[in-house]
Amino acid sequence: MCLFSYDDDDPDPDEQARAGLLYVPVRPAAAGPALRMFRTPLGERTAVGFTGLALLTATLGAGQPAIRLAEPALRSLTEPLGVDRLVVDPVLSAPAVTAVRASTAEEPARAL
């Protein structure tokens, strides 16, 4: 006997809802804009899309060019590249890059 009742309308956890139109980061190329690919913390290549331009700007900066693509179109473009993962609205998890002082860079490493 099952203690829980499930409706037939409950979505399967493996079935993800469509994201709709996304702002997708691109880089300039000779033939036109090229999609930027990213890596997950474990090193897997992934496509990235943002549901709002403000989210893209907050994560990648104001100068990041982007195009609007529907999720199925983005998946179709990345599939031939062997990229089947799509991350929607990621947040940057790396610390900000800072300049290294010249005097620090010239000092030899000290053994602990």
PDB file of N, CA and C in Angstrom:
ATOM      1  N   MET A   1       0.838  -1.180   0.000  1.00  0.00           N
ATOM      2  CA  MET A   1       0.000   0.000   0.000  1.00  0.00           C
ATOM      3  C   MET A   1       0.886   1.247   0.000  1.00  0.00           C
ATOM      4  N   CYS A   2       0.565   2.186  -0.843  1.00  0.00           N
ATOM      5  CA  CYS A   2       1.332   3.421  -0.958  1.00  0.00           C
ATOM      6  C   CYS A   2       0.741   4.478  -0.016  1.00  0.00           C
ATOM      7  N   LEU A   3       1.606   5.149   0.728  1.00  0.00           N
ATOM      8  CA  LEU A   3       1.144   6.156   1.675  1.00  0.00           C
ATOM      9  C   LEU A   3       0.879   7.506   1.024  1.00  0.00           C
ATOM     10  N   PHE A   4       1.382   7.692  -0.181  1.00  0.00           N
ATOM     11  CA  PHE A   4       1.258   8.968  -0.859  1.00  0.00           C
ATOM     12  C   PHE A   4       0.361   8.831  -2.077  1.00  0.00           C
ATOM     13  N   SER A   5      -0.420   9.863  -2.333  1.00  0.00           N
ATOM     14  CA  SER A   5      -1.232   9.855  -3.554  1.00  0.00           C
ATOM     15  C   SER A   5      -0.607  10.821  -4.554  1.00  0.00           C
ATOM     16  N   TYR A   6      -0.541  10.395  -5.771  1.00  0.00           N
ATOM     17  CA  TYR A   6       0.063  11.201  -6.827  1.00  0.00           C
ATOM     18  C   TYR A   6      -0.972  11.468  -7.907  1.00  0.00           C
ATOM     19  N   ASP A   7      -1.036  12.703  -8.338  1.00  0.00           N
ATOM     20  CA  ASP A   7      -1.901  13.041  -9.465  1.00  0.00           C
ATOM     21  C   ASP A   7      -1.168  12.711 -10.754  1.00  0.00           C
ATOM     22  N   ASP A   8      -1.920  12.444 -11.792  1.00  0.00           N
ATOM     23  CA  ASP A   8      -1.313  12.220 -13.104  1.00  0.00           C
ATOM     24  C   ASP A   8      -0.733  13.507 -13.661  1.00  0.00           C
ATOM     25  N   ASP A   9      -1.109  14.668 -13.103  1.00  0.00           N
ATOM     26  CA  ASP A   9      -0.618  15.949 -13.580  1.00  0.00           C
ATOM     27  C   ASP A   9       0.737  16.318 -12.993  1.00  0.00           C
ATOM     28  N   ASP A  10       1.230  15.554 -11.996  1.00  0.00           N
ATOM     29  CA  ASP A  10       2.529  15.857 -11.411  1.00  0.00           C
ATOM     30  C   ASP A  10       3.614  15.642 -12.449  1.00  0.00           C
ATOM     31  N   PRO A  11       4.499  16.640 -12.621  1.00  0.00           N
ATOM     32  CA  PRO A  11       5.562  16.468 -13.604  1.00  0.00           C
ATOM     33  C   PRO A  11       6.602  15.466 -13.128  1.00  0.00           C
ATOM     34  N   ASP A  12       7.174  14.771 -14.069  1.00  0.00           N
ATOM     35  CA  ASP A  12       8.256  13.855 -13.789  1.00  0.00           C
ATOM     36  C   ASP A  12       9.498  14.699 -13.485  1.00  0.00           C
ATOM     37  N   PRO A  13      10.247  14.416 -12.421  1.00  0.00           N
ATOM     38  CA  PRO A  13      11.424  15.228 -12.100  1.00  0.00           C
ATOM     39  C   PRO A  13      12.457  15.257 -13.221  1.00  0.00           C
ATOM     40  N   ASP A  14      12.492  14.215 -14.050  1.00  0.00           N
ATOM     41  CA  ASP A  14      13.453  14.184 -15.158  1.00  0.00           C
ATOM     42  C   ASP A  14      13.025  15.065 -16.327  1.00  0.00           C
ATOM     43  N   GLU A  15      11.758  15.444 -16.372  1.00  0.00           N
ATOM     44  CA  GLU A  15      11.255  16.300 -17.442  1.00  0.00           C
ATOM     45  C   GLU A  15      11.366  17.751 -16.996  1.00  0.00           C
ATOM     46  N   GLN A  16      12.249  18.493 -17.652  1.00  0.00           N
ATOM     47  CA  GLN A  16      12.433  19.882 -17.283  1.00  0.00           C
ATOM     48  C   GLN A  16      11.499  20.760 -18.101  1.00  0.00           C
ATOM     49  N   ALA A  17      11.019  21.811 -17.466  1.00  0.00           N
ATOM     50  CA  ALA A  17      10.158  22.759 -18.160  1.00  0.00           C
ATOM     51  C   ALA A  17      10.996  23.563 -19.154  1.00  0.00           C
ATOM     52  N   ARG A  18      10.406  23.953 -20.257  1.00  0.00           N
ATOM     53  CA  ARG A  18      11.107  24.755 -21.258  1.00  0.00           C
ATOM     54  C   ARG A  18      11.392  26.140 -20.705  1.00  0.00           C
ATOM     55  N   ALA A  19      12.564  26.664 -21.049  1.00  0.00           N
ATOM     56  CA  ALA A  19      12.979  27.970 -20.540  1.00  0.00           C
ATOM     57  C   ALA A  19      12.446  29.114 -21.385  1.00  0.00           C
ATOM     58  N   GLY A  20      11.995  28.856 -22.605  1.00  0.00           N
ATOM     59  CA  GLY A  20      11.513  29.921 -23.475  1.00  0.00           C
ATOM     60  C   GLY A  20      12.649  30.668 -24.129  1.00  0.00           C
ATOM     61  N   LEU A  21      12.444  31.964 -24.387  1.00  0.00           N
ATOM     62  CA  LEU A  21      13.493  32.774 -25.004  1.00  0.00           C
ATOM     63  C   LEU A  21      14.584  33.088 -23.989  1.00  0.00           C
ATOM     64  N   LEU A  22      15.827  32.954 -24.425  1.00  0.00           N
ATOM     65  CA  LEU A  22      16.966  33.179 -23.550  1.00  0.00           C
ATOM     66  C   LEU A  22      17.909  34.205 -24.161  1.00  0.00           C
ATOM     67  N   TYR A  23      18.610  34.923 -23.311  1.00  0.00           N
ATOM     68  CA  TYR A  23      19.729  35.760 -23.732  1.00  0.00           C
ATOM     69  C   TYR A  23      20.960  34.860 -23.674  1.00  0.00           C
ATOM     70  N   VAL A  24      21.590  34.644 -24.828  1.00  0.00           N
ATOM     71  CA  VAL A  24      22.700  33.711 -24.928  1.00  0.00           C
ATOM     72  C   VAL A  24      23.987  34.482 -25.211  1.00  0.00           C
ATOM     73  N   PRO A  25      25.024  34.307 -24.375  1.00  0.00           N
ATOM     74  CA  PRO A  25      26.286  35.018 -24.592  1.00  0.00           C
ATOM     75  C   PRO A  25      26.963  34.552 -25.879  1.00  0.00           C
ATOM     76  N   VAL A  26      27.483  35.511 -26.629  1.00  0.00           N
ATOM     77  CA  VAL A  26      28.189  35.214 -27.880  1.00  0.00           C
ATOM     78  C   VAL A  26      29.506  35.985 -27.892  1.00  0.00           C
ATOM     79  N   ARG A  27      30.355  35.604 -28.827  1.00  0.00           N
ATOM     80  CA  ARG A  27      31.585  36.348 -29.077  1.00  0.00           C
ATOM     81  C   ARG A  27      31.625  36.668 -30.560  1.00  0.00           C
ATOM     82  N   PRO A  28      32.247  37.792 -30.932  1.00  0.00           N
ATOM     83  CA  PRO A  28      32.310  38.139 -32.347  1.00  0.00           C
ATOM     84  C   PRO A  28      33.215  37.170 -33.108  1.00  0.00           C
ATOM     85  N   ALA A  29      32.819  36.837 -34.312  1.00  0.00           N
ATOM     86  CA  ALA A  29      33.612  35.971 -35.193  1.00  0.00           C
ATOM     87  C   ALA A  29      33.460  36.485 -36.618  1.00  0.00           C
ATOM     88  N   ALA A  30      34.331  36.043 -37.502  1.00  0.00           N
ATOM     89  CA  ALA A  30      34.319  36.516 -38.893  1.00  0.00           C
ATOM     90  C   ALA A  30      32.988  36.210 -39.584  1.00  0.00           C
ATOM     91  N   ALA A  31      32.410  35.060 -39.298  1.00  0.00           N
ATOM     92  CA  ALA A  31      31.166  34.648 -39.955  1.00  0.00           C
ATOM     93  C   ALA A  31      29.921  35.144 -39.228  1.00  0.00           C
ATOM     94  N   GLY A  32      30.086  35.880 -38.150  1.00  0.00           N
ATOM     95  CA  GLY A  32      28.953  36.345 -37.351  1.00  0.00           C
ATOM     96  C   GLY A  32      29.144  35.907 -35.916  1.00  0.00           C
ATOM     97  N   PRO A  33      28.177  36.194 -35.049  1.00  0.00           N
ATOM     98  CA  PRO A  33      28.348  35.845 -33.639  1.00  0.00           C
ATOM     99  C   PRO A  33      28.476  34.339 -33.436  1.00  0.00           C
ATOM    100  N   ALA A  34      29.371  33.957 -32.533  1.00  0.00           N
ATOM    101  CA  ALA A  34      29.570  32.544 -32.183  1.00  0.00           C
ATOM    102  C   ALA A  34      29.163  32.349 -30.725  1.00  0.00           C
ATOM    103  N   LEU A  35      28.479  31.260 -30.455  1.00  0.00           N
ATOM    104  CA  LEU A  35      28.049  30.962 -29.090  1.00  0.00           C
ATOM    105  C   LEU A  35      29.255  30.764 -28.184  1.00  0.00           C
ATOM    106  N   ARG A  36      29.175  31.291 -26.987  1.00  0.00           N
ATOM    107  CA  ARG A  36      30.205  31.032 -25.983  1.00  0.00           C
ATOM    108  C   ARG A  36      29.829  29.767 -25.230  1.00  0.00           C
ATOM    109  N   MET A  37      30.777  28.868 -25.097  1.00  0.00           N
ATOM    110  CA  MET A  37      30.589  27.668 -24.299  1.00  0.00           C
ATOM    111  C   MET A  37      31.307  27.875 -22.970  1.00  0.00           C
ATOM    112  N   PHE A  38      30.787  27.274 -21.935  1.00  0.00           N
ATOM    113  CA  PHE A  38      31.346  27.397 -20.602  1.00  0.00           C
ATOM    114  C   PHE A  38      31.609  25.992 -20.070  1.00  0.00           C
ATOM    115  N   ARG A  39      32.160  25.910 -18.866  1.00  0.00           N
ATOM    116  CA  ARG A  39      32.397  24.623 -18.219  1.00  0.00           C
ATOM    117  C   ARG A  39      31.761  24.643 -16.826  1.00  0.00           C
ATOM    118  N   THR A  40      31.222  23.499 -16.448  1.00  0.00           N
ATOM    119  CA  THR A  40      30.676  23.335 -15.112  1.00  0.00           C
ATOM    120  C   THR A  40      31.844  23.214 -14.132  1.00  0.00           C
ATOM    121  N   PRO A  41      31.605  23.272 -12.826  1.00  0.00           N
ATOM    122  CA  PRO A  41      32.700  23.093 -11.866  1.00  0.00           C
ATOM    123  C   PRO A  41      33.440  21.759 -12.033  1.00  0.00           C
ATOM    124  N   LEU A  42      32.783  20.769 -12.602  1.00  0.00           N
ATOM    125  CA  LEU A  42      33.432  19.475 -12.828  1.00  0.00           C
ATOM    126  C   LEU A  42      34.097  19.382 -14.196  1.00  0.00           C
ATOM    127  N   GLY A  43      34.045  20.464 -14.978  1.00  0.00           N
ATOM    128  CA  GLY A  43      34.746  20.503 -16.256  1.00  0.00           C
ATOM    129  C   GLY A  43      33.919  20.133 -17.466  1.00  0.00           C
ATOM    130  N   GLU A  44      32.640  19.829 -17.312  1.00  0.00           N
ATOM    131  CA  GLU A  44      31.784  19.461 -18.435  1.00  0.00           C
ATOM    132  C   GLU A  44      31.408  20.708 -19.234  1.00  0.00           C
ATOM    133  N   ARG A  45      31.515  20.627 -20.561  1.00  0.00           N
ATOM    134  CA  ARG A  45      31.139  21.754 -21.406  1.00  0.00           C
ATOM    135  C   ARG A  45      29.626  21.957 -21.357  1.00  0.00           C
ATOM    136  N   THR A  46      29.226  23.219 -21.324  1.00  0.00           N
ATOM    137  CA  THR A  46      27.807  23.531 -21.224  1.00  0.00           C
ATOM    138  C   THR A  46      27.486  24.815 -21.973  1.00  0.00           C
ATOM    139  N   ALA A  47      26.284  24.887 -22.486  1.00  0.00           N
ATOM    140  CA  ALA A  47      25.751  26.133 -23.033  1.00  0.00           C
ATOM    141  C   ALA A  47      25.101  26.878 -21.879  1.00  0.00           C
ATOM    142  N   VAL A  48      25.004  28.190 -22.013  1.00  0.00           N
ATOM    143  CA  VAL A  48      24.444  29.021 -20.951  1.00  0.00           C
ATOM    144  C   VAL A  48      23.417  29.957 -21.558  1.00  0.00           C
ATOM    145  N   GLY A  49      22.311  30.135 -20.859  1.00  0.00           N
ATOM    146  CA  GLY A  49      21.287  31.087 -21.270  1.00  0.00           C
ATOM    147  C   GLY A  49      20.732  31.805 -20.054  1.00  0.00           C
ATOM    148  N   PHE A  50      20.293  33.028 -20.265  1.00  0.00           N
ATOM    149  CA  PHE A  50      19.755  33.834 -19.175  1.00  0.00           C
ATOM    150  C   PHE A  50      18.330  34.247 -19.517  1.00  0.00           C
ATOM    151  N   THR A  51      17.455  34.221 -18.527  1.00  0.00           N
ATOM    152  CA  THR A  51      16.056  34.590 -18.757  1.00  0.00           C
ATOM    153  C   THR A  51      15.862  36.097 -18.806  1.00  0.00           C
ATOM    154  N   GLY A  52      16.854  36.848 -18.382  1.00  0.00           N
ATOM    155  CA  GLY A  52      16.765  38.308 -18.432  1.00  0.00           C
ATOM    156  C   GLY A  52      18.121  38.918 -18.729  1.00  0.00           C
ATOM    157  N   LEU A  53      18.109  40.056 -19.415  1.00  0.00           N
ATOM    158  CA  LEU A  53      19.351  40.737 -19.754  1.00  0.00           C
ATOM    159  C   LEU A  53      20.075  41.222 -18.501  1.00  0.00           C
ATOM    160  N   ALA A  54      19.335  41.612 -17.471  1.00  0.00           N
ATOM    161  CA  ALA A  54      19.953  42.058 -16.217  1.00  0.00           C
ATOM    162  C   ALA A  54      20.735  40.925 -15.560  1.00  0.00           C
ATOM    163  N   LEU A  55      20.236  39.696 -15.647  1.00  0.00           N
ATOM    164  CA  LEU A  55      20.945  38.549 -15.075  1.00  0.00           C
ATOM    165  C   LEU A  55      22.238  38.277 -15.830  1.00  0.00           C
ATOM    166  N   LEU A  56      22.189  38.372 -17.156  1.00  0.00           N
ATOM    167  CA  LEU A  56      23.396  38.190 -17.966  1.00  0.00           C
ATOM    168  C   LEU A  56      24.429  39.244 -17.620  1.00  0.00           C
ATOM    169  N   THR A  57      24.008  40.503 -17.533  1.00  0.00           N
ATOM    170  CA  THR A  57      24.914  41.604 -17.225  1.00  0.00           C
ATOM    171  C   THR A  57      25.508  41.455 -15.826  1.00  0.00           C
ATOM    172  N   ALA A  58      24.709  41.049 -14.861  1.00  0.00           N
ATOM    173  CA  ALA A  58      25.206  40.880 -13.496  1.00  0.00           C
ATOM    174  C   ALA A  58      26.240  39.763 -13.410  1.00  0.00           C
ATOM    175  N   THR A  59      26.114  38.752 -14.241  1.00  0.00           N
ATOM    176  CA  THR A  59      27.030  37.616 -14.185  1.00  0.00           C
ATOM    177  C   THR A  59      28.262  37.805 -15.055  1.00  0.00           C
ATOM    178  N   LEU A  60      28.077  38.303 -16.280  1.00  0.00           N
ATOM    179  CA  LEU A  60      29.185  38.367 -17.241  1.00  0.00           C
ATOM    180  C   LEU A  60      29.679  39.775 -17.542  1.00  0.00           C
ATOM    181  N   GLY A  61      29.002  40.789 -17.037  1.00  0.00           N
ATOM    182  CA  GLY A  61      29.444  42.158 -17.253  1.00  0.00           C
ATOM    183  C   GLY A  61      28.654  42.864 -18.328  1.00  0.00           C
ATOM    184  N   ALA A  62      28.733  44.207 -18.304  1.00  0.00           N
ATOM    185  CA  ALA A  62      27.932  45.033 -19.204  1.00  0.00           C
ATOM    186  C   ALA A  62      28.379  44.929 -20.659  1.00  0.00           C
ATOM    187  N   GLY A  63      29.625  44.588 -20.905  1.00  0.00           N
ATOM    188  CA  GLY A  63      30.114  44.538 -22.278  1.00  0.00           C
ATOM    189  C   GLY A  63      29.896  43.224 -22.990  1.00  0.00           C
ATOM    190  N   GLN A  64      29.228  42.268 -22.347  1.00  0.00           N
ATOM    191  CA  GLN A  64      29.043  40.942 -22.951  1.00  0.00           C
ATOM    192  C   GLN A  64      27.951  40.972 -24.010  1.00  0.00           C
ATOM    193  N   PRO A  65      28.314  40.735 -25.304  1.00  0.00           N
ATOM    194  CA  PRO A  65      27.270  40.674 -26.328  1.00  0.00           C
ATOM    195  C   PRO A  65      26.421  39.409 -26.168  1.00  0.00           C
ATOM    196  N   ALA A  66      25.167  39.505 -26.570  1.00  0.00           N
ATOM    197  CA  ALA A  66      24.249  38.375 -26.449  1.00  0.00           C
ATOM    198  C   ALA A  66      23.236  38.421 -27.584  1.00  0.00           C
ATOM    199  N   ILE A  67      22.676  37.264 -27.881  1.00  0.00           N
ATOM    200  CA  ILE A  67      21.580  37.166 -28.847  1.00  0.00           C
ATOM    201  C   ILE A  67      20.423  36.467 -28.157  1.00  0.00           C
ATOM    202  N   ARG A  68      19.223  36.628 -28.709  1.00  0.00           N
ATOM    203  CA  ARG A  68      18.040  35.946 -28.165  1.00  0.00           C
ATOM    204  C   ARG A  68      17.819  34.669 -28.950  1.00  0.00           C
ATOM    205  N   LEU A  69      17.710  33.568 -28.235  1.00  0.00           N
ATOM    206  CA  LEU A  69      17.419  32.273 -28.842  1.00  0.00           C
ATOM    207  C   LEU A  69      16.407  31.529 -27.986  1.00  0.00           C
ATOM    208  N   ALA A  70      15.533  30.772 -28.624  1.00  0.00           N
ATOM    209  CA  ALA A  70      14.645  29.875 -27.891  1.00  0.00           C
ATOM    210  C   ALA A  70      15.471  28.675 -27.433  1.00  0.00           C
ATOM    211  N   GLU A  71      15.091  28.087 -26.333  1.00  0.00           N
ATOM    212  CA  GLU A  71      15.841  26.944 -25.799  1.00  0.00           C
ATOM    213  C   GLU A  71      16.029  25.824 -26.825  1.00  0.00           C
ATOM    214  N   PRO A  72      14.985  25.409 -27.571  1.00  0.00           N
ATOM    215  CA  PRO A  72      15.205  24.344 -28.549  1.00  0.00           C
ATOM    216  C   PRO A  72      16.231  24.729 -29.624  1.00  0.00           C
ATOM    217  N   ALA A  73      16.252  26.000 -30.029  1.00  0.00           N
ATOM    218  CA  ALA A  73      17.227  26.444 -31.035  1.00  0.00           C
ATOM    219  C   ALA A  73      18.641  26.384 -30.457  1.00  0.00           C
ATOM    220  N   LEU A  74      18.807  26.791 -29.217  1.00  0.00           N
ATOM    221  CA  LEU A  74      20.117  26.733 -28.578  1.00  0.00           C
ATOM    222  C   LEU A  74      20.595  25.293 -28.471  1.00  0.00           C
ATOM    223  N   ARG A  75      19.714  24.399 -28.082  1.00  0.00           N
ATOM    224  CA  ARG A  75      20.084  22.980 -27.986  1.00  0.00           C
ATOM    225  C   ARG A  75      20.442  22.409 -29.363  1.00  0.00           C
ATOM    226  N   SER A  76      19.732  22.837 -30.404  1.00  0.00           N
ATOM    227  CA  SER A  76      20.033  22.366 -31.762  1.00  0.00           C
ATOM    228  C   SER A  76      21.407  22.837 -32.228  1.00  0.00           C
ATOM    229  N   LEU A  77      21.790  24.036 -31.840  1.00  0.00           N
ATOM    230  CA  LEU A  77      23.092  24.563 -32.236  1.00  0.00           C
ATOM    231  C   LEU A  77      24.247  23.906 -31.483  1.00  0.00           C
ATOM    232  N   THR A  78      24.026  23.510 -30.247  1.00  0.00           N
ATOM    233  CA  THR A  78      25.108  22.941 -29.454  1.00  0.00           C
ATOM    234  C   THR A  78      25.227  21.423 -29.585  1.00  0.00           C
ATOM    235  N   GLU A  79      24.182  20.766 -30.034  1.00  0.00           N
ATOM    236  CA  GLU A  79      24.200  19.311 -30.159  1.00  0.00           C
ATOM    237  C   GLU A  79      25.321  18.802 -31.075  1.00  0.00           C
ATOM    238  N   PRO A  80      25.531  19.395 -32.271  1.00  0.00           N
ATOM    239  CA  PRO A  80      26.624  18.901 -33.125  1.00  0.00           C
ATOM    240  C   PRO A  80      28.013  19.087 -32.502  1.00  0.00           C
ATOM    241  N   LEU A  81      28.121  19.961 -31.516  1.00  0.00           N
ATOM    242  CA  LEU A  81      29.395  20.190 -30.841  1.00  0.00           C
ATOM    243  C   LEU A  81      29.618  19.205 -29.698  1.00  0.00           C
ATOM    244  N   GLY A  82      28.636  18.340 -29.463  1.00  0.00           N
ATOM    245  CA  GLY A  82      28.741  17.383 -28.372  1.00  0.00           C
ATOM    246  C   GLY A  82      28.373  17.969 -27.026  1.00  0.00           C
ATOM    247  N   VAL A  83      27.711  19.119 -27.036  1.00  0.00           N
ATOM    248  CA  VAL A  83      27.296  19.782 -25.798  1.00  0.00           C
ATOM    249  C   VAL A  83      25.804  19.556 -25.621  1.00  0.00           C
ATOM    250  N   ASP A  84      25.449  18.748 -24.623  1.00  0.00           N
ATOM    251  CA  ASP A  84      24.025  18.472 -24.405  1.00  0.00           C
ATOM    252  C   ASP A  84      23.517  19.067 -23.092  1.00  0.00           C
ATOM    253  N   ARG A  85      24.356  19.792 -22.392  1.00  0.00           N
ATOM    254  CA  ARG A  85      23.960  20.408 -21.124  1.00  0.00           C
ATOM    255  C   ARG A  85      23.661  21.883 -21.353  1.00  0.00           C
ATOM    256  N   LEU A  86      22.610  22.374 -20.719  1.00  0.00           N
ATOM    257  CA  LEU A  86      22.233  23.780 -20.768  1.00  0.00           C
ATOM    258  C   LEU A  86      21.992  24.256 -19.340  1.00  0.00           C
ATOM    259  N   VAL A  87      22.699  25.309 -18.950  1.00  0.00           N
ATOM    260  CA  VAL A  87      22.506  25.901 -17.629  1.00  0.00           C
ATOM    261  C   VAL A  87      21.783  27.223 -17.830  1.00  0.00           C
ATOM    262  N   VAL A  88      20.640  27.375 -17.171  1.00  0.00           N
ATOM    263  CA  VAL A  88      19.843  28.595 -17.268  1.00  0.00           C
ATOM    264  C   VAL A  88      20.060  29.427 -16.002  1.00  0.00           C
ATOM    265  N   ASP A  89      20.355  30.702 -16.197  1.00  0.00           N
ATOM    266  CA  ASP A  89      20.583  31.664 -15.114  1.00  0.00           C
ATOM    267  C   ASP A  89      21.661  31.218 -14.132  1.00  0.00           C
ATOM    268  N   PRO A  90      22.863  30.898 -14.634  1.00  0.00           N
ATOM    269  CA  PRO A  90      23.932  30.540 -13.706  1.00  0.00           C
ATOM    270  C   PRO A  90      24.431  31.780 -12.972  1.00  0.00           C
ATOM    271  N   VAL A  91      25.094  31.557 -11.865  1.00  0.00           N
ATOM    272  CA  VAL A  91      25.756  32.646 -11.146  1.00  0.00           C
ATOM    273  C   VAL A  91      27.245  32.345 -11.159  1.00  0.00           C
ATOM    274  N   LEU A  92      28.028  33.387 -11.274  1.00  0.00           N
ATOM    275  CA  LEU A  92      29.471  33.227 -11.298  1.00  0.00           C
ATOM    276  C   LEU A  92      29.941  32.752  -9.934  1.00  0.00           C
ATOM    277  N   SER A  93      30.728  31.683  -9.906  1.00  0.00           N
ATOM    278  CA  SER A  93      31.158  31.141  -8.626  1.00  0.00           C
ATOM    279  C   SER A  93      32.642  31.359  -8.360  1.00  0.00           C
ATOM    280  N   ALA A  94      33.372  31.897  -9.329  1.00  0.00           N
ATOM    281  CA  ALA A  94      34.800  32.139  -9.148  1.00  0.00           C
ATOM    282  C   ALA A  94      35.014  33.525  -8.552  1.00  0.00           C
ATOM    283  N   PRO A  95      36.079  33.692  -7.766  1.00  0.00           N
ATOM    284  CA  PRO A  95      36.362  35.030  -7.252  1.00  0.00           C
ATOM    285  C   PRO A  95      36.793  35.956  -8.375  1.00  0.00           C
ATOM    286  N   ALA A  96      36.613  37.242  -8.180  1.00  0.00           N
ATOM    287  CA  ALA A  96      37.000  38.219  -9.193  1.00  0.00           C
ATOM    288  C   ALA A  96      38.509  38.190  -9.385  1.00  0.00           C
ATOM    289  N   VAL A  97      38.926  38.369 -10.612  1.00  0.00           N
ATOM    290  CA  VAL A  97      40.344  38.381 -10.938  1.00  0.00           C
ATOM    291  C   VAL A  97      40.920  39.727 -10.527  1.00  0.00           C
ATOM    292  N   THR A  98      42.047  39.699  -9.844  1.00  0.00           N
ATOM    293  CA  THR A  98      42.707  40.933  -9.441  1.00  0.00           C
ATOM    294  C   THR A  98      44.129  40.936  -9.988  1.00  0.00           C
ATOM    295  N   ALA A  99      44.661  42.114 -10.192  1.00  0.00           N
ATOM    296  CA  ALA A  99      46.016  42.245 -10.706  1.00  0.00           C
ATOM    297  C   ALA A  99      47.021  41.838  -9.632  1.00  0.00           C
ATOM    298  N   VAL A 100      48.109  41.193 -10.065  1.00  0.00           N
ATOM    299  CA  VAL A 100      49.174  40.801  -9.158  1.00  0.00           C
ATOM    300  C   VAL A 100      50.204  41.922  -9.134  1.00  0.00           C
ATOM    301  N   ARG A 101      50.594  42.336  -7.935  1.00  0.00           N
ATOM    302  CA  ARG A 101      51.608  43.377  -7.825  1.00  0.00           C
ATOM    303  C   ARG A 101      52.937  42.862  -8.363  1.00  0.00           C
ATOM    304  N   ALA A 102      53.707  43.716  -9.014  1.00  0.00           N
ATOM    305  CA  ALA A 102      54.989  43.334  -9.600  1.00  0.00           C
ATOM    306  C   ALA A 102      55.954  42.825  -8.549  1.00  0.00           C
ATOM    307  N   SER A 103      56.004  43.440  -7.369  1.00  0.00           N
ATOM    308  CA  SER A 103      56.943  43.011  -6.332  1.00  0.00           C
ATOM    309  C   SER A 103      56.584  41.623  -5.810  1.00  0.00           C
ATOM    310  N   THR A 104      55.305  41.306  -5.737  1.00  0.00           N
ATOM    311  CA  THR A 104      54.861  39.988  -5.286  1.00  0.00           C
ATOM    312  C   THR A 104      55.201  38.928  -6.315  1.00  0.00           C
ATOM    313  N   ALA A 105      55.044  39.265  -7.597  1.00  0.00           N
ATOM    314  CA  ALA A 105      55.294  38.299  -8.661  1.00  0.00           C
ATOM    315  C   ALA A 105      56.772  37.953  -8.755  1.00  0.00           C
ATOM    316  N   GLU A 106      57.675  38.874  -8.361  1.00  0.00           N
ATOM    317  CA  GLU A 106      59.107  38.634  -8.480  1.00  0.00           C
ATOM    318  C   GLU A 106      59.683  37.920  -7.272  1.00  0.00           C
ATOM    319  N   GLU A 107      58.969  37.885  -6.153  1.00  0.00           N
ATOM    320  CA  GLU A 107      59.455  37.232  -4.956  1.00  0.00           C
ATOM    321  C   GLU A 107      59.437  35.716  -5.152  1.00  0.00           C
ATOM    322  N   PRO A 108      60.475  35.018  -4.696  1.00  0.00           N
ATOM    323  CA  PRO A 108      60.470  33.549  -4.811  1.00  0.00           C
ATOM    324  C   PRO A 108      59.449  32.952  -3.853  1.00  0.00           C
ATOM    325  N   ALA A 109      58.942  31.800  -4.213  1.00  0.00           N
ATOM    326  CA  ALA A 109      57.979  31.101  -3.358  1.00  0.00           C
ATOM    327  C   ALA A 109      58.672  30.628  -2.092  1.00  0.00           C
ATOM    328  N   ARG A 110      58.013  30.725  -0.974  1.00  0.00           N
ATOM    329  CA  ARG A 110      58.589  30.300   0.298  1.00  0.00           C
ATOM    330  C   ARG A 110      58.035  28.942   0.682  1.00  0.00           C
ATOM    331  N   ALA A 111      58.895  28.106   1.176  1.00  0.00           N
ATOM    332  CA  ALA A 111      58.457  26.798   1.646  1.00  0.00           C
ATOM    333  C   ALA A 111      57.796  26.945   3.001  1.00  0.00           C
ATOM    334  N   LEU A 112      56.760  26.204   3.223  1.00  0.00           N
ATOM    335  CA  LEU A 112      56.054  26.263   4.513  1.00  0.00           C
ATOM    336  C   LEU A 112      56.601  25.271   5.478  1.00  0.00           C
TER     337      LEU A 112
END
